[in-house]
Amino acid sequence: MRVLQEGGADWVQPEWLPPYAPDLNPVEQVRSHAKYSDLANFIPDDLADLDRAVRPSMAGQRDQPSLIRSYFHLAGLKL
């Protein structure tokens, strides 16, 4: 379905998704990787400790293009 609005970009095509579809959201894969891989068995002492652990996990994923591509592939989305 192509939806064009006056003055809008003709290359934009909306994708209709269910109200909540974590399997179709690459961000959920980022969180899952951090939670079950990088931070598995991690028990923070407080929120600051958790923050110090999560930030490097997110930065590490950002530096792995093949990992990011796999999240989009898993969701069935094209880059």
C-alpha atoms as a PDB file:
ATOM      1  CA  MET A   1       0.000   0.000   0.000  1.00  0.00           C
ATOM      2  CA  ARG A   2       1.469   3.339  -1.013  1.00  0.00           C
ATOM      3  CA  VAL A   3       0.209   6.386   0.775  1.00  0.00           C
ATOM      4  CA  LEU A   4       1.094   9.764  -0.621  1.00  0.00           C
ATOM      5  CA  GLN A   5       0.339  12.998   1.077  1.00  0.00           C
ATOM      6  CA  GLU A   6       0.449  16.332  -0.612  1.00  0.00           C
ATOM      7  CA  GLY A   7       4.071  17.449  -0.555  1.00  0.00           C
ATOM      8  CA  GLY A   8       5.181  14.144   1.020  1.00  0.00           C
ATOM      9  CA  ALA A   9       7.927  11.822  -0.144  1.00  0.00           C
ATOM     10  CA  ASP A  10       6.712   9.276  -2.676  1.00  0.00           C
ATOM     11  CA  TRP A  11       9.353   6.732  -1.591  1.00  0.00           C
ATOM     12  CA  VAL A  12       7.858   6.299   1.888  1.00  0.00           C
ATOM     13  CA  GLN A  13       5.794   3.176   2.349  1.00  0.00           C
ATOM     14  CA  PRO A  14       4.205   2.450   5.722  1.00  0.00           C
ATOM     15  CA  GLU A  15       4.447  -1.017   7.228  1.00  0.00           C
ATOM     16  CA  TRP A  16       1.389  -1.974   9.260  1.00  0.00           C
ATOM     17  CA  LEU A  17       2.394  -3.834  12.411  1.00  0.00           C
ATOM     18  CA  PRO A  18       0.417  -5.338  15.275  1.00  0.00           C
ATOM     19  CA  PRO A  19       0.017  -3.045  18.330  1.00  0.00           C
ATOM     20  CA  TYR A  20       2.864  -4.794  20.148  1.00  0.00           C
ATOM     21  CA  ALA A  21       5.258  -6.901  18.120  1.00  0.00           C
ATOM     22  CA  PRO A  22       8.600  -7.370  19.918  1.00  0.00           C
ATOM     23  CA  ASP A  23       9.716  -9.921  17.317  1.00  0.00           C
ATOM     24  CA  LEU A  24       9.447  -7.203  14.664  1.00  0.00           C
ATOM     25  CA  ASN A  25      11.320  -4.575  16.660  1.00  0.00           C
ATOM     26  CA  PRO A  26      15.137  -4.690  16.314  1.00  0.00           C
ATOM     27  CA  VAL A  27      15.493  -2.674  19.530  1.00  0.00           C
ATOM     28  CA  GLU A  28      14.083  -5.636  21.446  1.00  0.00           C
ATOM     29  CA  GLN A  29      16.940  -7.754  20.066  1.00  0.00           C
ATOM     30  CA  VAL A  30      19.472  -5.208  21.319  1.00  0.00           C
ATOM     31  CA  ARG A  31      17.968  -5.374  24.802  1.00  0.00           C
ATOM     32  CA  SER A  32      17.754  -9.150  24.708  1.00  0.00           C
ATOM     33  CA  HIS A  33      21.404  -9.491  23.694  1.00  0.00           C
ATOM     34  CA  ALA A  34      22.472  -7.188  26.509  1.00  0.00           C
ATOM     35  CA  LYS A  35      20.309  -8.971  29.066  1.00  0.00           C
ATOM     36  CA  TYR A  36      20.984 -12.607  28.164  1.00  0.00           C
ATOM     37  CA  SER A  37      24.496 -12.414  26.721  1.00  0.00           C
ATOM     38  CA  ASP A  38      26.538  -9.475  27.957  1.00  0.00           C
ATOM     39  CA  LEU A  39      24.871  -9.153  31.368  1.00  0.00           C
ATOM     40  CA  ALA A  40      23.921 -12.765  32.059  1.00  0.00           C
ATOM     41  CA  ASN A  41      24.224 -13.509  35.787  1.00  0.00           C
ATOM     42  CA  PHE A  42      25.077  -9.867  36.492  1.00  0.00           C
ATOM     43  CA  ILE A  43      23.676  -8.553  39.757  1.00  0.00           C
ATOM     44  CA  PRO A  44      24.092  -4.793  40.096  1.00  0.00           C
ATOM     45  CA  ASP A  45      24.546  -3.209  43.484  1.00  0.00           C
ATOM     46  CA  ASP A  46      22.445  -0.197  42.485  1.00  0.00           C
ATOM     47  CA  LEU A  47      21.171   1.705  39.442  1.00  0.00           C
ATOM     48  CA  ALA A  48      24.524   3.380  38.883  1.00  0.00           C
ATOM     49  CA  ASP A  49      26.214  -0.030  38.772  1.00  0.00           C
ATOM     50  CA  LEU A  50      23.618  -1.248  36.270  1.00  0.00           C
ATOM     51  CA  ASP A  51      24.158   1.855  34.144  1.00  0.00           C
ATOM     52  CA  ARG A  52      27.930   1.278  34.137  1.00  0.00           C
ATOM     53  CA  ALA A  53      27.341  -2.252  32.819  1.00  0.00           C
ATOM     54  CA  VAL A  54      24.618  -1.512  30.266  1.00  0.00           C
ATOM     55  CA  ARG A  55      26.404   1.344  28.503  1.00  0.00           C
ATOM     56  CA  PRO A  56      29.408  -0.744  27.376  1.00  0.00           C
ATOM     57  CA  SER A  57      27.047  -3.515  26.253  1.00  0.00           C
ATOM     58  CA  MET A  58      25.130  -1.100  24.027  1.00  0.00           C
ATOM     59  CA  ALA A  59      28.324   0.506  22.729  1.00  0.00           C
ATOM     60  CA  GLY A  60      29.790  -2.914  21.974  1.00  0.00           C
ATOM     61  CA  GLN A  61      26.754  -3.877  19.929  1.00  0.00           C
ATOM     62  CA  ARG A  62      26.905  -0.586  18.037  1.00  0.00           C
ATOM     63  CA  ASP A  63      30.440  -1.452  16.955  1.00  0.00           C
ATOM     64  CA  GLN A  64      29.341  -4.795  15.433  1.00  0.00           C
ATOM     65  CA  PRO A  65      27.555  -4.101  12.123  1.00  0.00           C
ATOM     66  CA  SER A  66      26.978  -7.801  11.446  1.00  0.00           C
ATOM     67  CA  LEU A  67      25.172  -8.130  14.777  1.00  0.00           C
ATOM     68  CA  ILE A  68      22.960  -5.126  14.009  1.00  0.00           C
ATOM     69  CA  ARG A  69      22.178  -6.549  10.544  1.00  0.00           C
ATOM     70  CA  SER A  70      21.174  -9.838  12.178  1.00  0.00           C
ATOM     71  CA  TYR A  71      18.599  -8.023  14.328  1.00  0.00           C
ATOM     72  CA  PHE A  72      16.979  -6.554  11.225  1.00  0.00           C
ATOM     73  CA  HIS A  73      17.161  -9.883   9.411  1.00  0.00           C
ATOM     74  CA  LEU A  74      15.503 -11.663  12.353  1.00  0.00           C
ATOM     75  CA  ALA A  75      12.699  -9.090  12.288  1.00  0.00           C
ATOM     76  CA  GLY A  76      12.278  -9.582   8.542  1.00  0.00           C
ATOM     77  CA  LEU A  77      13.175  -5.957   7.822  1.00  0.00           C
ATOM     78  CA  LYS A  78      15.411  -4.677   5.065  1.00  0.00           C
ATOM     79  CA  LEU A  79      18.096  -2.115   5.782  1.00  0.00           C
END
